[in-house]
Amino acid sequence: MRWKVNSEVPLYTDQWLDIRLADVELPDGSRIGHRLVRMAPGAAAVVVDDRRHVLMIWRHRFITDSWGWEIPGGHVDAGEEPIAAAAREVVEETGWRPGPLRPMLTMQPLSGISDCEQHIFRADGAVRLGPPLDGSEAERVDWVPLADVRGLIGKREIVAGSTIAALLYLLGEA
């Protein structure tokens, strides 16, 4: 049962978001107006050390007024490869340069309303370069034991969807 998009009309566009209204025909022939958000892809990295600790940032998200642990990540800039964006974000947000990155998973966290794709990579190890380049991203940076992840999710100390997906995926590999 495929939905057919007859047209899209921009409602609001800026450098981060392209919000649209789509005229969609459902399989039964009825038509609806469906809002959607087009966004640039994102990239993030799960950096694991030899003790099975994960490099994470503790940050506040003003939209939800919540604090939580997240893996470092952000937008892929125009012309940038997702793997390069993930490496850049790790350095900017943590002050650590990740070891060689390799693809881990790609996900669409809000596929019912947005086309944003999240590319998540894995690195084994990192080298400390100094303090984070962007001091506004995190309250603190720490190596969190992978064994604590399920408990942190249960206590709502990890709530970001991409972080949860990546860490549970990593736990599933073990």
N, C-alpha and C. Protein backbone atom coordinates (compact mmCIF):
# COMPACT_ATOMS: atom_id res chain seq x y z
N MET A 1 0.84 -1.17 0.00
CA MET A 1 0.00 0.00 0.00
C MET A 1 0.89 1.24 0.00
N ARG A 2 1.12 1.76 -1.16
CA ARG A 2 1.98 2.92 -1.32
C ARG A 2 1.13 4.19 -1.40
N TRP A 3 1.54 5.22 -0.67
CA TRP A 3 0.90 6.52 -0.75
C TRP A 3 1.52 7.28 -1.92
N LYS A 4 0.69 7.98 -2.69
CA LYS A 4 1.16 8.73 -3.85
C LYS A 4 1.20 10.22 -3.51
N VAL A 5 2.34 10.84 -3.72
CA VAL A 5 2.49 12.28 -3.49
C VAL A 5 2.20 13.00 -4.80
N ASN A 6 1.14 13.81 -4.79
CA ASN A 6 0.76 14.57 -5.99
C ASN A 6 1.52 15.87 -6.10
N SER A 7 1.80 16.50 -4.96
CA SER A 7 2.55 17.76 -4.98
C SER A 7 3.03 18.08 -3.57
N GLU A 8 3.98 19.02 -3.49
CA GLU A 8 4.47 19.55 -2.22
C GLU A 8 4.56 21.06 -2.35
N VAL A 9 4.12 21.75 -1.31
CA VAL A 9 4.18 23.21 -1.27
C VAL A 9 5.01 23.62 -0.07
N PRO A 10 6.05 24.44 -0.27
CA PRO A 10 6.84 24.88 0.88
C PRO A 10 6.01 25.79 1.80
N LEU A 11 6.11 25.54 3.11
CA LEU A 11 5.45 26.38 4.10
C LEU A 11 6.45 27.30 4.80
N TYR A 12 7.67 26.77 5.02
CA TYR A 12 8.73 27.53 5.68
C TYR A 12 10.05 26.88 5.33
N THR A 13 11.03 27.70 4.99
CA THR A 13 12.35 27.18 4.65
C THR A 13 13.42 28.08 5.23
N ASP A 14 14.43 27.47 5.86
CA ASP A 14 15.62 28.20 6.28
C ASP A 14 16.82 27.28 6.08
N GLN A 15 17.96 27.62 6.66
CA GLN A 15 19.17 26.82 6.43
C GLN A 15 19.10 25.44 7.08
N TRP A 16 18.18 25.21 8.02
CA TRP A 16 18.09 23.94 8.72
C TRP A 16 16.87 23.12 8.34
N LEU A 17 15.75 23.81 8.06
CA LEU A 17 14.48 23.12 7.85
C LEU A 17 13.81 23.51 6.55
N ASP A 18 13.11 22.57 5.97
CA ASP A 18 12.25 22.81 4.83
C ASP A 18 10.92 22.13 5.17
N ILE A 19 9.98 22.93 5.69
CA ILE A 19 8.68 22.40 6.10
C ILE A 19 7.71 22.54 4.94
N ARG A 20 7.02 21.45 4.61
CA ARG A 20 6.18 21.41 3.41
C ARG A 20 4.80 20.82 3.73
N LEU A 21 3.87 21.11 2.85
CA LEU A 21 2.56 20.50 2.87
C LEU A 21 2.44 19.67 1.60
N ALA A 22 2.24 18.38 1.78
CA ALA A 22 2.13 17.47 0.63
C ALA A 22 0.67 17.10 0.40
N ASP A 23 0.29 17.08 -0.85
CA ASP A 23 -1.02 16.57 -1.26
C ASP A 23 -0.80 15.09 -1.54
N VAL A 24 -1.35 14.23 -0.65
CA VAL A 24 -1.07 12.80 -0.70
C VAL A 24 -2.35 12.02 -1.00
N GLU A 25 -2.22 11.09 -1.93
CA GLU A 25 -3.34 10.19 -2.25
C GLU A 25 -3.11 8.85 -1.56
N LEU A 26 -4.06 8.45 -0.73
CA LEU A 26 -3.97 7.18 -0.01
C LEU A 26 -4.38 6.03 -0.91
N PRO A 27 -4.04 4.80 -0.55
CA PRO A 27 -4.36 3.64 -1.38
C PRO A 27 -5.86 3.50 -1.69
N ASP A 28 -6.72 4.01 -0.81
CA ASP A 28 -8.17 3.90 -1.07
C ASP A 28 -8.68 5.01 -1.99
N GLY A 29 -7.78 5.89 -2.47
CA GLY A 29 -8.16 6.96 -3.39
C GLY A 29 -8.45 8.29 -2.71
N SER A 30 -8.59 8.30 -1.40
CA SER A 30 -8.83 9.57 -0.70
C SER A 30 -7.54 10.38 -0.65
N ARG A 31 -7.69 11.69 -0.47
CA ARG A 31 -6.53 12.58 -0.46
C ARG A 31 -6.48 13.34 0.86
N ILE A 32 -5.26 13.55 1.34
CA ILE A 32 -5.05 14.30 2.58
C ILE A 32 -3.90 15.29 2.39
N GLY A 33 -3.90 16.31 3.22
CA GLY A 33 -2.76 17.20 3.31
C GLY A 33 -1.88 16.70 4.44
N HIS A 34 -0.63 16.43 4.15
CA HIS A 34 0.29 15.88 5.16
C HIS A 34 1.51 16.79 5.26
N ARG A 35 1.81 17.26 6.45
CA ARG A 35 3.01 18.08 6.64
C ARG A 35 4.23 17.19 6.74
N LEU A 36 5.34 17.70 6.23
CA LEU A 36 6.60 16.97 6.31
C LEU A 36 7.75 17.94 6.48
N VAL A 37 8.82 17.42 7.02
CA VAL A 37 10.02 18.22 7.26
C VAL A 37 11.17 17.58 6.50
N ARG A 38 11.76 18.34 5.60
CA ARG A 38 12.95 17.88 4.89
C ARG A 38 14.15 18.50 5.59
N MET A 39 15.15 17.67 5.85
CA MET A 39 16.34 18.13 6.58
C MET A 39 17.59 17.49 5.99
N ALA A 40 18.70 18.17 6.20
CA ALA A 40 19.99 17.60 5.82
C ALA A 40 20.27 16.39 6.71
N PRO A 41 21.08 15.47 6.24
CA PRO A 41 21.39 14.31 7.07
C PRO A 41 22.24 14.69 8.27
N GLY A 42 22.24 13.78 9.24
CA GLY A 42 23.08 13.94 10.42
C GLY A 42 24.09 12.81 10.48
N ALA A 43 25.12 13.00 11.29
CA ALA A 43 26.14 11.97 11.48
C ALA A 43 26.58 11.98 12.93
N ALA A 44 26.86 10.81 13.46
CA ALA A 44 27.28 10.67 14.85
C ALA A 44 28.26 9.52 14.94
N ALA A 45 28.91 9.41 16.09
CA ALA A 45 29.89 8.34 16.28
C ALA A 45 29.79 7.74 17.67
N VAL A 46 29.87 6.43 17.70
CA VAL A 46 30.02 5.68 18.94
C VAL A 46 31.51 5.36 19.05
N VAL A 47 32.16 5.97 20.03
CA VAL A 47 33.59 5.76 20.24
C VAL A 47 33.74 4.89 21.48
N VAL A 48 34.37 3.73 21.31
CA VAL A 48 34.49 2.75 22.38
C VAL A 48 35.97 2.56 22.71
N ASP A 49 36.28 2.56 24.01
CA ASP A 49 37.69 2.32 24.39
C ASP A 49 37.90 0.84 24.71
N ASP A 50 39.12 0.48 25.08
CA ASP A 50 39.44 -0.92 25.32
C ASP A 50 38.84 -1.47 26.61
N ARG A 51 38.23 -0.61 27.44
CA ARG A 51 37.55 -1.07 28.66
C ARG A 51 36.04 -1.21 28.45
N ARG A 52 35.57 -1.04 27.21
CA ARG A 52 34.15 -1.06 26.84
C ARG A 52 33.40 0.09 27.47
N HIS A 53 34.04 1.27 27.44
CA HIS A 53 33.39 2.53 27.82
C HIS A 53 33.14 3.31 26.53
N VAL A 54 32.06 4.10 26.53
CA VAL A 54 31.65 4.87 25.36
C VAL A 54 31.84 6.36 25.65
N LEU A 55 32.45 7.07 24.71
CA LEU A 55 32.65 8.52 24.83
C LEU A 55 31.31 9.22 24.62
N MET A 56 30.86 9.95 25.67
CA MET A 56 29.55 10.58 25.59
C MET A 56 29.61 12.00 26.16
N ILE A 57 28.60 12.77 25.78
CA ILE A 57 28.47 14.13 26.30
C ILE A 57 27.19 14.22 27.12
N TRP A 58 27.26 14.96 28.23
CA TRP A 58 26.11 15.23 29.08
C TRP A 58 25.64 16.62 28.72
N ARG A 59 24.43 16.73 28.19
CA ARG A 59 24.00 18.03 27.69
C ARG A 59 22.54 18.31 27.99
N HIS A 60 22.21 19.58 27.92
CA HIS A 60 20.84 20.04 28.09
C HIS A 60 20.25 20.29 26.72
N ARG A 61 19.00 19.86 26.54
CA ARG A 61 18.25 20.13 25.31
C ARG A 61 17.13 21.09 25.69
N PHE A 62 17.23 22.32 25.20
CA PHE A 62 16.27 23.35 25.60
C PHE A 62 14.86 23.05 25.10
N ILE A 63 14.73 22.36 23.98
CA ILE A 63 13.41 22.10 23.41
C ILE A 63 12.57 21.25 24.37
N THR A 64 13.18 20.24 24.95
CA THR A 64 12.48 19.37 25.89
C THR A 64 12.79 19.72 27.35
N ASP A 65 13.66 20.71 27.55
CA ASP A 65 14.13 21.10 28.88
C ASP A 65 14.57 19.87 29.67
N SER A 66 15.44 19.08 29.02
CA SER A 66 15.91 17.85 29.67
C SER A 66 17.42 17.72 29.52
N TRP A 67 18.01 16.97 30.46
CA TRP A 67 19.43 16.64 30.45
C TRP A 67 19.59 15.17 30.08
N GLY A 68 20.67 14.83 29.41
CA GLY A 68 20.91 13.44 29.10
C GLY A 68 22.26 13.20 28.46
N TRP A 69 22.66 11.94 28.46
CA TRP A 69 23.88 11.51 27.79
C TRP A 69 23.57 11.30 26.31
N GLU A 70 24.49 11.72 25.45
CA GLU A 70 24.37 11.51 24.01
C GLU A 70 25.73 11.17 23.43
N ILE A 71 25.70 10.44 22.32
CA ILE A 71 26.93 10.26 21.56
C ILE A 71 27.13 11.56 20.77
N PRO A 72 28.37 11.93 20.47
CA PRO A 72 28.59 13.16 19.70
C PRO A 72 28.10 13.03 18.26
N GLY A 73 27.49 14.10 17.78
CA GLY A 73 26.98 14.09 16.41
C GLY A 73 26.36 15.41 16.05
N GLY A 74 26.01 15.56 14.78
CA GLY A 74 25.39 16.80 14.31
C GLY A 74 25.09 16.71 12.83
N HIS A 75 24.86 17.87 12.24
CA HIS A 75 24.51 17.95 10.82
C HIS A 75 25.70 17.66 9.92
N VAL A 76 25.41 17.08 8.77
CA VAL A 76 26.40 16.91 7.71
C VAL A 76 26.33 18.19 6.88
N ASP A 77 27.45 18.90 6.78
CA ASP A 77 27.48 20.14 6.00
C ASP A 77 27.40 19.84 4.51
N ALA A 78 26.94 20.81 3.74
CA ALA A 78 26.84 20.66 2.28
C ALA A 78 28.21 20.27 1.71
N GLY A 79 28.24 19.23 0.91
CA GLY A 79 29.47 18.77 0.29
C GLY A 79 30.33 17.89 1.19
N GLU A 80 29.94 17.70 2.43
CA GLU A 80 30.71 16.90 3.38
C GLU A 80 30.20 15.46 3.39
N GLU A 81 31.10 14.52 3.50
CA GLU A 81 30.72 13.12 3.62
C GLU A 81 30.30 12.86 5.06
N PRO A 82 29.30 12.01 5.28
CA PRO A 82 28.86 11.72 6.64
C PRO A 82 29.97 11.24 7.57
N ILE A 83 30.90 10.43 7.08
CA ILE A 83 31.97 9.92 7.93
C ILE A 83 32.89 11.07 8.40
N ALA A 84 33.13 12.04 7.51
CA ALA A 84 33.94 13.21 7.88
C ALA A 84 33.19 14.07 8.90
N ALA A 85 31.87 14.20 8.72
CA ALA A 85 31.06 14.98 9.65
C ALA A 85 31.09 14.33 11.04
N ALA A 86 30.98 13.02 11.09
CA ALA A 86 31.01 12.32 12.38
C ALA A 86 32.35 12.56 13.09
N ALA A 87 33.45 12.44 12.36
CA ALA A 87 34.77 12.68 12.96
C ALA A 87 34.88 14.12 13.45
N ARG A 88 34.43 15.08 12.63
CA ARG A 88 34.47 16.49 13.01
C ARG A 88 33.66 16.75 14.27
N GLU A 89 32.47 16.18 14.34
CA GLU A 89 31.60 16.39 15.50
C GLU A 89 32.22 15.83 16.78
N VAL A 90 32.87 14.68 16.69
CA VAL A 90 33.52 14.11 17.88
C VAL A 90 34.57 15.08 18.42
N VAL A 91 35.42 15.59 17.54
CA VAL A 91 36.46 16.53 17.97
C VAL A 91 35.84 17.80 18.54
N GLU A 92 34.88 18.39 17.82
CA GLU A 92 34.27 19.65 18.26
C GLU A 92 33.59 19.51 19.62
N GLU A 93 32.85 18.42 19.81
CA GLU A 93 32.02 18.29 21.00
C GLU A 93 32.73 17.67 22.19
N THR A 94 33.83 16.91 21.94
CA THR A 94 34.47 16.20 23.05
C THR A 94 35.93 16.56 23.28
N GLY A 95 36.62 17.04 22.25
CA GLY A 95 38.06 17.26 22.37
C GLY A 95 38.88 16.00 22.14
N TRP A 96 38.24 14.92 21.72
CA TRP A 96 38.91 13.67 21.40
C TRP A 96 38.85 13.43 19.89
N ARG A 97 39.95 12.94 19.30
CA ARG A 97 39.95 12.54 17.89
C ARG A 97 39.69 11.04 17.85
N PRO A 98 38.61 10.62 17.19
CA PRO A 98 38.30 9.19 17.17
C PRO A 98 39.29 8.40 16.32
N GLY A 99 39.43 7.12 16.66
CA GLY A 99 40.19 6.21 15.81
C GLY A 99 39.46 6.07 14.48
N PRO A 100 39.96 5.22 13.59
CA PRO A 100 39.30 5.06 12.29
C PRO A 100 37.82 4.71 12.46
N LEU A 101 37.00 5.45 11.74
CA LEU A 101 35.55 5.24 11.80
C LEU A 101 35.12 4.23 10.75
N ARG A 102 34.11 3.46 11.10
CA ARG A 102 33.51 2.53 10.14
C ARG A 102 31.99 2.59 10.30
N PRO A 103 31.26 2.39 9.22
CA PRO A 103 29.80 2.47 9.29
C PRO A 103 29.24 1.47 10.30
N MET A 104 28.26 1.92 11.06
CA MET A 104 27.60 1.06 12.04
C MET A 104 26.13 0.86 11.68
N LEU A 105 25.40 1.96 11.50
CA LEU A 105 24.01 1.86 11.07
C LEU A 105 23.55 3.19 10.52
N THR A 106 22.52 3.13 9.70
CA THR A 106 21.86 4.33 9.19
C THR A 106 20.40 4.20 9.55
N MET A 107 19.84 5.29 10.08
CA MET A 107 18.45 5.23 10.52
C MET A 107 17.70 6.49 10.12
N GLN A 108 16.39 6.38 10.08
CA GLN A 108 15.50 7.51 9.85
C GLN A 108 14.63 7.64 11.09
N PRO A 109 15.03 8.48 12.05
CA PRO A 109 14.36 8.50 13.36
C PRO A 109 12.92 9.00 13.35
N LEU A 110 12.51 9.77 12.36
CA LEU A 110 11.15 10.31 12.31
C LEU A 110 10.55 10.12 10.92
N SER A 111 10.58 8.90 10.40
CA SER A 111 10.20 8.66 9.01
C SER A 111 8.74 8.96 8.71
N GLY A 112 7.90 9.12 9.72
CA GLY A 112 6.51 9.46 9.48
C GLY A 112 6.30 10.93 9.18
N ILE A 113 7.34 11.76 9.44
CA ILE A 113 7.19 13.19 9.21
C ILE A 113 8.43 13.84 8.60
N SER A 114 9.57 13.16 8.67
CA SER A 114 10.81 13.78 8.19
C SER A 114 11.65 12.79 7.39
N ASP A 115 12.39 13.33 6.40
CA ASP A 115 13.28 12.49 5.60
C ASP A 115 14.71 12.48 6.14
N CYS A 116 14.93 13.09 7.29
CA CYS A 116 16.28 13.19 7.86
C CYS A 116 16.85 11.79 8.13
N GLU A 117 18.03 11.56 7.60
CA GLU A 117 18.72 10.30 7.80
C GLU A 117 19.88 10.53 8.78
N GLN A 118 20.09 9.59 9.68
CA GLN A 118 21.19 9.66 10.64
C GLN A 118 22.19 8.55 10.31
N HIS A 119 23.42 8.95 10.04
CA HIS A 119 24.50 8.00 9.75
C HIS A 119 25.33 7.86 11.02
N ILE A 120 25.41 6.64 11.53
CA ILE A 120 26.14 6.42 12.78
C ILE A 120 27.32 5.51 12.50
N PHE A 121 28.47 5.96 12.99
CA PHE A 121 29.73 5.26 12.77
C PHE A 121 30.28 4.78 14.11
N ARG A 122 31.22 3.86 14.03
CA ARG A 122 31.89 3.35 15.23
C ARG A 122 33.39 3.55 15.10
N ALA A 123 33.99 3.90 16.22
CA ALA A 123 35.45 3.98 16.30
C ALA A 123 35.89 3.23 17.54
N ASP A 124 36.98 2.51 17.42
CA ASP A 124 37.58 1.86 18.58
C ASP A 124 38.77 2.71 18.99
N GLY A 125 38.60 3.41 20.12
CA GLY A 125 39.66 4.25 20.65
C GLY A 125 39.61 5.68 20.15
N ALA A 126 40.32 6.53 20.88
CA ALA A 126 40.40 7.95 20.55
C ALA A 126 41.64 8.53 21.21
N VAL A 127 42.08 9.66 20.69
CA VAL A 127 43.25 10.37 21.23
C VAL A 127 42.76 11.71 21.76
N ARG A 128 43.13 12.02 22.98
CA ARG A 128 42.73 13.30 23.61
C ARG A 128 43.53 14.43 22.98
N LEU A 129 42.81 15.43 22.43
CA LEU A 129 43.45 16.59 21.83
C LEU A 129 43.45 17.78 22.78
N GLY A 130 42.46 17.86 23.66
CA GLY A 130 42.31 18.99 24.56
C GLY A 130 40.83 19.19 24.87
N PRO A 131 40.48 20.38 25.35
CA PRO A 131 39.07 20.61 25.64
C PRO A 131 38.25 20.65 24.35
N PRO A 132 36.92 20.45 24.47
CA PRO A 132 36.06 20.52 23.29
C PRO A 132 36.23 21.85 22.56
N LEU A 133 36.18 21.82 21.24
CA LEU A 133 36.29 23.04 20.46
C LEU A 133 35.06 23.91 20.58
N ASP A 134 33.91 23.27 20.80
CA ASP A 134 32.65 23.99 20.96
C ASP A 134 32.19 23.81 22.40
N GLY A 135 32.42 24.81 23.22
CA GLY A 135 32.08 24.73 24.63
C GLY A 135 30.60 24.83 24.94
N SER A 136 29.78 25.08 23.93
CA SER A 136 28.34 25.23 24.16
C SER A 136 27.57 23.92 24.00
N GLU A 137 28.23 22.85 23.60
CA GLU A 137 27.54 21.60 23.32
C GLU A 137 27.30 20.74 24.56
N ALA A 138 28.24 20.72 25.48
CA ALA A 138 28.15 19.75 26.58
C ALA A 138 28.53 20.38 27.91
N GLU A 139 27.81 19.96 28.94
CA GLU A 139 28.15 20.32 30.31
C GLU A 139 29.42 19.58 30.73
N ARG A 140 29.49 18.29 30.29
CA ARG A 140 30.69 17.50 30.55
C ARG A 140 30.83 16.41 29.50
N VAL A 141 32.04 15.89 29.41
CA VAL A 141 32.39 14.81 28.50
C VAL A 141 32.95 13.68 29.36
N ASP A 142 32.50 12.46 29.12
CA ASP A 142 32.98 11.36 29.95
C ASP A 142 32.91 10.04 29.18
N TRP A 143 33.65 9.07 29.69
CA TRP A 143 33.60 7.71 29.16
C TRP A 143 32.64 6.93 30.04
N VAL A 144 31.52 6.53 29.48
CA VAL A 144 30.45 5.86 30.22
C VAL A 144 30.55 4.35 29.97
N PRO A 145 30.52 3.53 31.04
CA PRO A 145 30.58 2.08 30.82
C PRO A 145 29.40 1.60 29.98
N LEU A 146 29.71 0.83 28.95
CA LEU A 146 28.67 0.27 28.10
C LEU A 146 27.71 -0.58 28.93
N ALA A 147 28.20 -1.22 29.96
CA ALA A 147 27.36 -2.05 30.83
C ALA A 147 26.29 -1.23 31.56
N ASP A 148 26.47 0.08 31.67
CA ASP A 148 25.50 0.94 32.36
C ASP A 148 24.39 1.46 31.45
N VAL A 149 24.51 1.24 30.16
CA VAL A 149 23.61 1.87 29.18
C VAL A 149 22.14 1.53 29.43
N ARG A 150 21.81 0.26 29.61
CA ARG A 150 20.40 -0.11 29.82
C ARG A 150 19.83 0.60 31.05
N GLY A 151 20.58 0.65 32.13
CA GLY A 151 20.13 1.33 33.34
C GLY A 151 19.95 2.82 33.12
N LEU A 152 20.85 3.45 32.36
CA LEU A 152 20.74 4.88 32.08
C LEU A 152 19.52 5.17 31.21
N ILE A 153 19.22 4.27 30.28
CA ILE A 153 18.00 4.43 29.47
C ILE A 153 16.78 4.30 30.39
N GLY A 154 16.78 3.32 31.26
CA GLY A 154 15.67 3.12 32.18
C GLY A 154 15.44 4.30 33.11
N LYS A 155 16.52 4.98 33.50
CA LYS A 155 16.41 6.16 34.38
C LYS A 155 16.17 7.45 33.60
N ARG A 156 16.01 7.33 32.28
CA ARG A 156 15.81 8.48 31.38
C ARG A 156 17.01 9.43 31.38
N GLU A 157 18.21 8.88 31.58
CA GLU A 157 19.43 9.67 31.46
C GLU A 157 20.00 9.57 30.06
N ILE A 158 19.45 8.65 29.27
CA ILE A 158 19.69 8.59 27.82
C ILE A 158 18.31 8.55 27.19
N VAL A 159 17.95 9.62 26.46
CA VAL A 159 16.63 9.68 25.83
C VAL A 159 16.71 9.97 24.33
N ALA A 160 17.84 10.43 23.83
CA ALA A 160 17.97 10.76 22.41
C ALA A 160 17.86 9.48 21.58
N GLY A 161 16.94 9.49 20.62
CA GLY A 161 16.66 8.29 19.83
C GLY A 161 17.86 7.71 19.11
N SER A 162 18.67 8.56 18.46
CA SER A 162 19.84 8.05 17.73
C SER A 162 20.85 7.44 18.68
N THR A 163 21.02 8.05 19.85
CA THR A 163 21.95 7.50 20.85
C THR A 163 21.46 6.16 21.34
N ILE A 164 20.17 6.06 21.68
CA ILE A 164 19.62 4.78 22.15
C ILE A 164 19.78 3.70 21.08
N ALA A 165 19.41 4.01 19.84
CA ALA A 165 19.53 3.03 18.77
C ALA A 165 20.97 2.56 18.60
N ALA A 166 21.90 3.50 18.59
CA ALA A 166 23.30 3.14 18.37
C ALA A 166 23.85 2.28 19.51
N LEU A 167 23.55 2.67 20.75
CA LEU A 167 24.09 1.92 21.88
C LEU A 167 23.46 0.54 22.03
N LEU A 168 22.15 0.43 21.79
CA LEU A 168 21.51 -0.88 21.84
C LEU A 168 22.02 -1.77 20.70
N TYR A 169 22.26 -1.18 19.54
CA TYR A 169 22.84 -1.92 18.42
C TYR A 169 24.22 -2.46 18.82
N LEU A 170 25.02 -1.58 19.44
CA LEU A 170 26.35 -1.98 19.90
C LEU A 170 26.26 -3.10 20.92
N LEU A 171 25.34 -2.99 21.87
CA LEU A 171 25.16 -4.06 22.86
C LEU A 171 24.75 -5.37 22.21
N GLY A 172 23.97 -5.28 21.13
CA GLY A 172 23.53 -6.46 20.41
C GLY A 172 24.65 -7.17 19.67
N GLU A 173 25.71 -6.43 19.35
CA GLU A 173 26.87 -7.01 18.66
C GLU A 173 27.70 -7.88 19.60
N ALA A 174 27.61 -7.58 20.90
CA ALA A 174 28.48 -8.27 21.88
C ALA A 174 28.11 -9.72 22.06
